[in-house]
Amino acid sequence: MLGGKWTYRSYHNSTTLVGDDAAAALALIFGEGVFDLTEGATGKVHGTLDMGGGYALAISGTAGGADREDCPRVFALIGLGIDGTPTAGWRYDYRGVPAYSWPDGVNQVPCLVGTVVRVHAHGPGAPAGVTASFVAVRQPDIASASQPGGGGATTGS
């Protein structure tokens, strides 16, 4: 479910409409990067969230089964800052589910949706407890994308 690369974006939970104000829409982004995740057979997850410029988190957690057949699997991830980088001492917790896969959807790309909380403060403008919503969109697998019918163009990371 979680294995692979995902383009990640989190958003401030604001009720203010942005209309055609591109700057206001851009200001809603809380963070972005690339999840590179591996999921084992037992549901253990590990990997990274690379936000560029030396900002990265080491990711660990679990992906579990749903209580009912009509409910999605859930996941719980912890992102810890990496010693010797600008993220040392950071901690973010992520909870989410796979987005619904529409039976008649056209060109639907798998997505993860959820919320994130900043567990540890890291500076005066970054207090603990701040939450945001996120969407992570699966990037195409380079090997299968290059095959006929394999999902389209590849992306760099």
N, C-alpha and C. Protein backbone atom coordinates (compact mmCIF):
# COMPACT_ATOMS: atom_id res chain seq x y z
N MET A 1 0.82 -1.19 0.00
CA MET A 1 0.00 0.00 0.00
C MET A 1 0.87 1.26 0.00
N LEU A 2 1.89 1.32 0.87
CA LEU A 2 2.67 2.55 1.00
C LEU A 2 4.00 2.53 0.27
N GLY A 3 4.45 1.35 -0.14
CA GLY A 3 5.77 1.26 -0.76
C GLY A 3 5.86 2.07 -2.04
N GLY A 4 6.94 2.83 -2.19
CA GLY A 4 7.18 3.62 -3.38
C GLY A 4 7.44 5.07 -3.05
N LYS A 5 7.48 5.89 -4.10
CA LYS A 5 7.71 7.33 -3.95
C LYS A 5 6.39 8.06 -4.12
N TRP A 6 6.18 9.06 -3.26
CA TRP A 6 4.94 9.83 -3.23
C TRP A 6 5.29 11.31 -3.16
N THR A 7 4.72 12.12 -4.03
CA THR A 7 4.86 13.58 -3.92
C THR A 7 3.93 14.03 -2.81
N TYR A 8 4.53 14.63 -1.78
CA TYR A 8 3.83 15.00 -0.55
C TYR A 8 3.63 16.51 -0.46
N ARG A 9 2.41 16.93 -0.12
CA ARG A 9 2.14 18.33 0.19
C ARG A 9 1.19 18.39 1.37
N SER A 10 1.52 19.25 2.32
CA SER A 10 0.60 19.50 3.44
C SER A 10 0.14 20.95 3.35
N TYR A 11 -1.06 21.18 3.92
CA TYR A 11 -1.73 22.47 3.76
C TYR A 11 -2.25 22.96 5.10
N HIS A 12 -2.09 24.27 5.34
CA HIS A 12 -2.72 24.91 6.49
C HIS A 12 -4.23 24.73 6.36
N ASN A 13 -4.89 24.41 7.44
CA ASN A 13 -6.34 24.21 7.42
C ASN A 13 -7.04 25.55 7.61
N SER A 14 -7.20 26.26 6.52
CA SER A 14 -7.83 27.58 6.52
C SER A 14 -9.17 27.50 5.81
N THR A 15 -10.16 28.19 6.35
CA THR A 15 -11.47 28.23 5.71
C THR A 15 -11.61 29.40 4.73
N THR A 16 -10.60 30.24 4.64
CA THR A 16 -10.65 31.40 3.76
C THR A 16 -10.52 30.97 2.31
N LEU A 17 -11.45 31.42 1.48
CA LEU A 17 -11.37 31.13 0.05
C LEU A 17 -10.27 31.98 -0.58
N VAL A 18 -9.56 31.40 -1.56
CA VAL A 18 -8.47 32.14 -2.19
C VAL A 18 -8.87 32.72 -3.54
N GLY A 19 -9.98 32.26 -4.11
CA GLY A 19 -10.41 32.78 -5.42
C GLY A 19 -9.31 32.62 -6.44
N ASP A 20 -9.00 33.69 -7.15
CA ASP A 20 -7.95 33.62 -8.17
C ASP A 20 -6.64 34.25 -7.67
N ASP A 21 -6.47 34.32 -6.36
CA ASP A 21 -5.25 34.88 -5.76
C ASP A 21 -4.21 33.77 -5.61
N ALA A 22 -3.33 33.66 -6.60
CA ALA A 22 -2.32 32.60 -6.61
C ALA A 22 -1.41 32.67 -5.39
N ALA A 23 -1.06 33.86 -4.94
CA ALA A 23 -0.19 34.00 -3.77
C ALA A 23 -0.87 33.46 -2.51
N ALA A 24 -2.18 33.73 -2.37
CA ALA A 24 -2.92 33.22 -1.22
C ALA A 24 -2.99 31.69 -1.26
N ALA A 25 -3.18 31.13 -2.45
CA ALA A 25 -3.22 29.67 -2.58
C ALA A 25 -1.87 29.07 -2.23
N LEU A 26 -0.80 29.66 -2.72
CA LEU A 26 0.55 29.17 -2.43
C LEU A 26 0.86 29.26 -0.94
N ALA A 27 0.37 30.30 -0.28
CA ALA A 27 0.62 30.47 1.16
C ALA A 27 -0.04 29.38 2.00
N LEU A 28 -0.98 28.64 1.43
CA LEU A 28 -1.62 27.54 2.17
C LEU A 28 -0.71 26.32 2.33
N ILE A 29 0.34 26.24 1.53
CA ILE A 29 1.24 25.07 1.63
C ILE A 29 2.03 25.16 2.92
N PHE A 30 1.91 24.11 3.72
CA PHE A 30 2.62 23.99 5.00
C PHE A 30 3.99 23.37 4.76
N GLY A 31 4.06 22.38 3.89
CA GLY A 31 5.31 21.71 3.57
C GLY A 31 5.15 20.84 2.35
N GLU A 32 6.26 20.49 1.70
CA GLU A 32 6.21 19.56 0.58
C GLU A 32 7.53 18.84 0.44
N GLY A 33 7.47 17.70 -0.21
CA GLY A 33 8.66 16.89 -0.41
C GLY A 33 8.29 15.58 -1.07
N VAL A 34 9.17 14.60 -0.91
CA VAL A 34 8.94 13.28 -1.49
C VAL A 34 9.08 12.23 -0.39
N PHE A 35 7.98 11.50 -0.16
CA PHE A 35 8.05 10.30 0.67
C PHE A 35 8.69 9.21 -0.17
N ASP A 36 9.69 8.52 0.35
CA ASP A 36 10.26 7.33 -0.28
C ASP A 36 10.10 6.23 0.76
N LEU A 37 9.11 5.37 0.58
CA LEU A 37 8.71 4.44 1.62
C LEU A 37 8.83 2.99 1.18
N THR A 38 9.12 2.15 2.16
CA THR A 38 9.13 0.70 1.98
C THR A 38 8.20 0.12 3.03
N GLU A 39 7.34 -0.81 2.61
CA GLU A 39 6.45 -1.48 3.54
C GLU A 39 6.74 -2.97 3.54
N GLY A 40 7.00 -3.52 4.72
CA GLY A 40 7.25 -4.95 4.84
C GLY A 40 5.96 -5.75 4.89
N ALA A 41 6.10 -7.06 4.83
CA ALA A 41 4.95 -7.96 4.83
C ALA A 41 4.12 -7.84 6.11
N THR A 42 4.73 -7.44 7.20
CA THR A 42 4.01 -7.31 8.47
C THR A 42 3.39 -5.94 8.67
N GLY A 43 3.52 -5.05 7.67
CA GLY A 43 2.94 -3.72 7.78
C GLY A 43 3.88 -2.67 8.36
N LYS A 44 5.11 -3.06 8.68
CA LYS A 44 6.09 -2.08 9.16
C LYS A 44 6.53 -1.21 7.99
N VAL A 45 6.62 0.09 8.23
CA VAL A 45 6.97 1.05 7.18
C VAL A 45 8.22 1.80 7.61
N HIS A 46 9.12 2.04 6.66
CA HIS A 46 10.27 2.90 6.93
C HIS A 46 10.65 3.61 5.63
N GLY A 47 11.38 4.70 5.79
CA GLY A 47 11.82 5.46 4.63
C GLY A 47 12.20 6.87 5.01
N THR A 48 11.98 7.80 4.08
CA THR A 48 12.35 9.20 4.30
C THR A 48 11.27 10.12 3.74
N LEU A 49 11.28 11.34 4.25
CA LEU A 49 10.56 12.45 3.63
C LEU A 49 11.64 13.48 3.31
N ASP A 50 11.97 13.62 2.03
CA ASP A 50 13.02 14.54 1.58
C ASP A 50 12.35 15.82 1.11
N MET A 51 12.64 16.93 1.82
CA MET A 51 12.04 18.22 1.49
C MET A 51 13.00 19.12 0.72
N GLY A 52 14.16 18.58 0.35
CA GLY A 52 15.14 19.33 -0.41
C GLY A 52 15.99 20.23 0.47
N GLY A 53 17.12 20.64 -0.04
CA GLY A 53 18.00 21.57 0.66
C GLY A 53 18.56 21.04 1.97
N GLY A 54 18.69 19.72 2.09
CA GLY A 54 19.21 19.12 3.32
C GLY A 54 18.16 18.90 4.39
N TYR A 55 16.91 19.24 4.10
CA TYR A 55 15.81 19.04 5.05
C TYR A 55 15.18 17.68 4.76
N ALA A 56 15.31 16.75 5.70
CA ALA A 56 14.74 15.41 5.54
C ALA A 56 14.36 14.84 6.89
N LEU A 57 13.40 13.93 6.87
CA LEU A 57 12.99 13.22 8.07
C LEU A 57 13.13 11.72 7.82
N ALA A 58 13.54 10.99 8.84
CA ALA A 58 13.54 9.53 8.80
C ALA A 58 12.13 9.09 9.21
N ILE A 59 11.51 8.28 8.37
CA ILE A 59 10.12 7.86 8.58
C ILE A 59 10.08 6.42 9.05
N SER A 60 9.24 6.16 10.07
CA SER A 60 8.96 4.79 10.50
C SER A 60 7.51 4.74 10.95
N GLY A 61 6.94 3.55 10.91
CA GLY A 61 5.55 3.42 11.35
C GLY A 61 4.94 2.12 10.92
N THR A 62 3.60 2.12 10.85
CA THR A 62 2.86 0.92 10.51
C THR A 62 1.71 1.25 9.58
N ALA A 63 1.34 0.25 8.79
CA ALA A 63 0.13 0.31 7.97
C ALA A 63 -0.69 -0.90 8.36
N GLY A 64 -1.94 -0.67 8.75
CA GLY A 64 -2.74 -1.76 9.27
C GLY A 64 -3.99 -2.00 8.48
N GLY A 65 -4.61 -3.14 8.77
CA GLY A 65 -5.84 -3.53 8.12
C GLY A 65 -7.02 -2.71 8.63
N ALA A 66 -8.07 -2.70 7.85
CA ALA A 66 -9.29 -1.99 8.22
C ALA A 66 -10.15 -2.90 9.08
N ASP A 67 -11.01 -2.29 9.90
CA ASP A 67 -11.93 -3.05 10.74
C ASP A 67 -13.03 -3.71 9.92
N ARG A 68 -13.41 -3.07 8.80
CA ARG A 68 -14.47 -3.58 7.94
C ARG A 68 -13.99 -3.60 6.51
N GLU A 69 -14.63 -4.43 5.71
CA GLU A 69 -14.23 -4.56 4.30
C GLU A 69 -14.37 -3.26 3.53
N ASP A 70 -15.38 -2.43 3.89
CA ASP A 70 -15.62 -1.19 3.15
C ASP A 70 -14.82 -0.01 3.69
N CYS A 71 -13.90 -0.26 4.62
CA CYS A 71 -13.06 0.81 5.18
C CYS A 71 -11.63 0.67 4.65
N PRO A 72 -10.96 1.79 4.43
CA PRO A 72 -9.58 1.72 3.93
C PRO A 72 -8.61 1.30 5.03
N ARG A 73 -7.47 0.81 4.62
CA ARG A 73 -6.38 0.54 5.57
C ARG A 73 -5.89 1.88 6.09
N VAL A 74 -5.43 1.89 7.31
CA VAL A 74 -4.92 3.12 7.91
C VAL A 74 -3.41 3.01 8.09
N PHE A 75 -2.75 4.16 8.20
CA PHE A 75 -1.33 4.14 8.50
C PHE A 75 -1.01 5.20 9.53
N ALA A 76 0.03 4.94 10.29
CA ALA A 76 0.54 5.87 11.30
C ALA A 76 2.05 5.92 11.12
N LEU A 77 2.56 7.12 10.84
CA LEU A 77 3.99 7.30 10.60
C LEU A 77 4.55 8.35 11.55
N ILE A 78 5.82 8.19 11.88
CA ILE A 78 6.55 9.18 12.68
C ILE A 78 7.74 9.63 11.85
N GLY A 79 7.89 10.95 11.71
CA GLY A 79 9.03 11.52 11.00
C GLY A 79 9.96 12.19 12.00
N LEU A 80 11.17 11.67 12.10
CA LEU A 80 12.16 12.22 13.02
C LEU A 80 13.27 12.92 12.25
N GLY A 81 13.68 14.09 12.75
CA GLY A 81 14.80 14.81 12.16
C GLY A 81 16.07 13.99 12.23
N ILE A 82 16.97 14.29 11.35
CA ILE A 82 18.22 13.53 11.22
C ILE A 82 19.36 14.33 11.83
N ASP A 83 20.09 13.71 12.75
CA ASP A 83 21.22 14.37 13.40
C ASP A 83 22.19 14.91 12.35
N GLY A 84 22.74 16.09 12.62
CA GLY A 84 23.69 16.71 11.72
C GLY A 84 23.06 17.44 10.54
N THR A 85 21.72 17.52 10.51
CA THR A 85 21.02 18.24 9.45
C THR A 85 20.16 19.33 10.09
N PRO A 86 19.58 20.24 9.28
CA PRO A 86 18.72 21.28 9.84
C PRO A 86 17.47 20.74 10.55
N THR A 87 17.14 19.46 10.34
CA THR A 87 15.94 18.88 10.96
C THR A 87 16.22 18.17 12.28
N ALA A 88 17.45 18.18 12.75
CA ALA A 88 17.79 17.49 14.01
C ALA A 88 16.85 17.97 15.12
N GLY A 89 16.25 17.02 15.82
CA GLY A 89 15.34 17.34 16.91
C GLY A 89 13.88 17.48 16.51
N TRP A 90 13.59 17.48 15.22
CA TRP A 90 12.21 17.61 14.77
C TRP A 90 11.47 16.29 14.94
N ARG A 91 10.15 16.39 15.15
CA ARG A 91 9.28 15.21 15.11
C ARG A 91 7.90 15.64 14.59
N TYR A 92 7.45 14.92 13.58
CA TYR A 92 6.11 15.08 13.02
C TYR A 92 5.44 13.71 13.00
N ASP A 93 4.15 13.67 13.36
CA ASP A 93 3.37 12.44 13.29
C ASP A 93 2.34 12.56 12.18
N TYR A 94 2.17 11.49 11.42
CA TYR A 94 1.27 11.45 10.27
C TYR A 94 0.26 10.33 10.48
N ARG A 95 -1.00 10.60 10.22
CA ARG A 95 -2.06 9.59 10.23
C ARG A 95 -2.84 9.74 8.95
N GLY A 96 -3.14 8.61 8.29
CA GLY A 96 -3.87 8.75 7.04
C GLY A 96 -4.43 7.44 6.52
N VAL A 97 -5.01 7.55 5.33
CA VAL A 97 -5.62 6.43 4.62
C VAL A 97 -5.38 6.61 3.13
N PRO A 98 -5.45 5.52 2.35
CA PRO A 98 -5.44 5.70 0.90
C PRO A 98 -6.73 6.38 0.47
N ALA A 99 -6.64 7.28 -0.50
CA ALA A 99 -7.84 7.91 -1.05
C ALA A 99 -8.67 6.85 -1.77
N TYR A 100 -9.96 7.07 -1.83
CA TYR A 100 -10.87 6.12 -2.48
C TYR A 100 -10.48 5.95 -3.95
N SER A 101 -10.49 4.71 -4.40
CA SER A 101 -10.22 4.39 -5.80
C SER A 101 -11.55 4.18 -6.51
N TRP A 102 -11.92 5.11 -7.38
CA TRP A 102 -13.21 5.06 -8.06
C TRP A 102 -13.23 3.93 -9.09
N PRO A 103 -14.25 3.07 -9.06
CA PRO A 103 -14.31 1.95 -10.01
C PRO A 103 -14.28 2.40 -11.47
N ASP A 104 -14.91 3.53 -11.78
CA ASP A 104 -14.96 4.03 -13.16
C ASP A 104 -14.07 5.25 -13.35
N GLY A 105 -13.12 5.46 -12.43
CA GLY A 105 -12.23 6.61 -12.54
C GLY A 105 -11.35 6.52 -13.77
N VAL A 106 -11.06 7.65 -14.37
CA VAL A 106 -10.22 7.70 -15.56
C VAL A 106 -8.87 8.29 -15.16
N ASN A 107 -7.82 7.55 -15.42
CA ASN A 107 -6.45 7.99 -15.13
C ASN A 107 -6.26 8.39 -13.66
N GLN A 108 -6.99 7.75 -12.75
CA GLN A 108 -6.84 8.07 -11.34
C GLN A 108 -5.47 7.61 -10.84
N VAL A 109 -4.80 8.45 -10.11
CA VAL A 109 -3.50 8.15 -9.55
C VAL A 109 -3.68 7.86 -8.06
N PRO A 110 -3.08 6.79 -7.55
CA PRO A 110 -3.22 6.50 -6.12
C PRO A 110 -2.72 7.67 -5.27
N CYS A 111 -3.48 7.98 -4.22
CA CYS A 111 -3.15 9.07 -3.31
C CYS A 111 -3.32 8.60 -1.87
N LEU A 112 -2.58 9.25 -0.99
CA LEU A 112 -2.76 9.10 0.45
C LEU A 112 -3.28 10.43 0.96
N VAL A 113 -4.21 10.40 1.91
CA VAL A 113 -4.72 11.62 2.51
C VAL A 113 -4.69 11.47 4.02
N GLY A 114 -4.47 12.59 4.71
CA GLY A 114 -4.44 12.51 6.16
C GLY A 114 -4.10 13.83 6.81
N THR A 115 -3.66 13.74 8.05
CA THR A 115 -3.26 14.92 8.81
C THR A 115 -1.89 14.69 9.42
N VAL A 116 -1.23 15.80 9.73
CA VAL A 116 0.10 15.79 10.33
C VAL A 116 0.10 16.76 11.50
N VAL A 117 0.85 16.43 12.54
CA VAL A 117 1.01 17.33 13.68
C VAL A 117 2.50 17.50 13.97
N ARG A 118 2.90 18.72 14.28
CA ARG A 118 4.28 19.00 14.71
C ARG A 118 4.35 18.65 16.19
N VAL A 119 5.10 17.63 16.54
CA VAL A 119 5.18 17.15 17.91
C VAL A 119 6.17 17.96 18.73
N HIS A 120 7.32 18.28 18.15
CA HIS A 120 8.35 19.05 18.85
C HIS A 120 8.50 20.42 18.19
N ALA A 121 8.52 21.47 19.02
CA ALA A 121 8.79 22.81 18.51
C ALA A 121 10.20 22.85 17.94
N HIS A 122 10.40 23.67 16.92
CA HIS A 122 11.76 23.88 16.40
C HIS A 122 11.92 25.32 15.94
N GLY A 123 11.89 26.20 16.92
CA GLY A 123 12.08 27.62 16.65
C GLY A 123 10.85 28.41 17.01
N PRO A 124 11.01 29.73 17.13
CA PRO A 124 9.89 30.57 17.56
C PRO A 124 8.71 30.57 16.59
N GLY A 125 8.94 30.37 15.32
CA GLY A 125 7.86 30.34 14.34
C GLY A 125 7.34 28.95 14.06
N ALA A 126 7.78 27.97 14.85
CA ALA A 126 7.40 26.58 14.60
C ALA A 126 7.04 25.89 15.92
N PRO A 127 5.92 26.28 16.53
CA PRO A 127 5.53 25.69 17.82
C PRO A 127 4.99 24.27 17.69
N ALA A 128 5.12 23.50 18.76
CA ALA A 128 4.52 22.16 18.79
C ALA A 128 3.01 22.28 18.74
N GLY A 129 2.36 21.24 18.22
CA GLY A 129 0.91 21.19 18.19
C GLY A 129 0.26 21.68 16.93
N VAL A 130 1.02 22.31 16.03
CA VAL A 130 0.45 22.81 14.78
C VAL A 130 0.06 21.60 13.91
N THR A 131 -1.14 21.66 13.33
CA THR A 131 -1.61 20.57 12.48
C THR A 131 -1.85 21.07 11.06
N ALA A 132 -1.85 20.14 10.13
CA ALA A 132 -2.12 20.43 8.72
C ALA A 132 -2.72 19.18 8.08
N SER A 133 -3.39 19.35 6.97
CA SER A 133 -3.88 18.22 6.16
C SER A 133 -2.85 17.94 5.07
N PHE A 134 -2.79 16.69 4.61
CA PHE A 134 -1.84 16.39 3.54
C PHE A 134 -2.45 15.48 2.49
N VAL A 135 -1.84 15.57 1.31
CA VAL A 135 -2.11 14.67 0.18
C VAL A 135 -0.75 14.22 -0.33
N ALA A 136 -0.62 12.92 -0.58
CA ALA A 136 0.60 12.39 -1.20
C ALA A 136 0.17 11.60 -2.43
N VAL A 137 0.74 11.94 -3.58
CA VAL A 137 0.37 11.35 -4.86
C VAL A 137 1.49 10.40 -5.31
N ARG A 138 1.11 9.15 -5.61
CA ARG A 138 2.13 8.16 -6.00
C ARG A 138 2.82 8.58 -7.29
N GLN A 139 4.15 8.55 -7.25
CA GLN A 139 4.93 8.80 -8.46
C GLN A 139 5.00 7.52 -9.27
N PRO A 140 5.09 7.63 -10.59
CA PRO A 140 5.16 6.41 -11.41
C PRO A 140 6.44 5.65 -11.13
N ASP A 141 6.32 4.34 -11.15
CA ASP A 141 7.49 3.48 -11.03
C ASP A 141 8.29 3.60 -12.32
N ILE A 142 9.55 3.98 -12.22
CA ILE A 142 10.36 4.23 -13.42
C ILE A 142 10.44 2.99 -14.30
N ALA A 143 10.61 1.80 -13.70
CA ALA A 143 10.73 0.58 -14.50
C ALA A 143 9.44 0.29 -15.26
N SER A 144 8.28 0.38 -14.58
CA SER A 144 7.02 0.07 -15.27
C SER A 144 6.59 1.21 -16.17
N ALA A 145 6.95 2.45 -15.86
CA ALA A 145 6.55 3.58 -16.69
C ALA A 145 7.21 3.54 -18.06
N SER A 146 8.38 2.90 -18.14
CA SER A 146 9.08 2.84 -19.42
C SER A 146 8.56 1.69 -20.29
N GLN A 147 7.74 0.82 -19.72
CA GLN A 147 7.16 -0.29 -20.47
C GLN A 147 5.86 0.16 -21.14
N PRO A 148 5.48 -0.46 -22.25
CA PRO A 148 4.22 -0.11 -22.87
C PRO A 148 3.07 -0.28 -21.89
N GLY A 149 2.22 0.75 -21.79
CA GLY A 149 1.09 0.69 -20.88
C GLY A 149 1.49 0.85 -19.42
N GLY A 150 2.72 1.28 -19.16
CA GLY A 150 3.25 1.30 -17.80
C GLY A 150 2.96 2.54 -17.02
N GLY A 151 2.15 3.44 -17.46
CA GLY A 151 1.77 4.55 -16.61
C GLY A 151 2.28 5.91 -17.03
N GLY A 152 2.90 6.04 -18.16
CA GLY A 152 3.23 7.37 -18.65
C GLY A 152 4.66 7.77 -18.38
N ALA A 153 4.85 9.09 -18.38
CA ALA A 153 6.20 9.65 -18.26
C ALA A 153 6.77 9.45 -16.86
N THR A 154 8.07 9.38 -16.79
CA THR A 154 8.74 9.27 -15.51
C THR A 154 8.97 10.66 -14.94
N THR A 155 9.19 10.72 -13.64
CA THR A 155 9.50 11.99 -13.01
C THR A 155 10.85 11.90 -12.34
N GLY A 156 11.53 13.01 -12.24
CA GLY A 156 12.80 13.05 -11.53
C GLY A 156 12.56 13.28 -10.06
N SER A 157 13.55 12.95 -9.24
CA SER A 157 13.38 13.21 -7.81
C SER A 157 14.66 13.69 -7.20
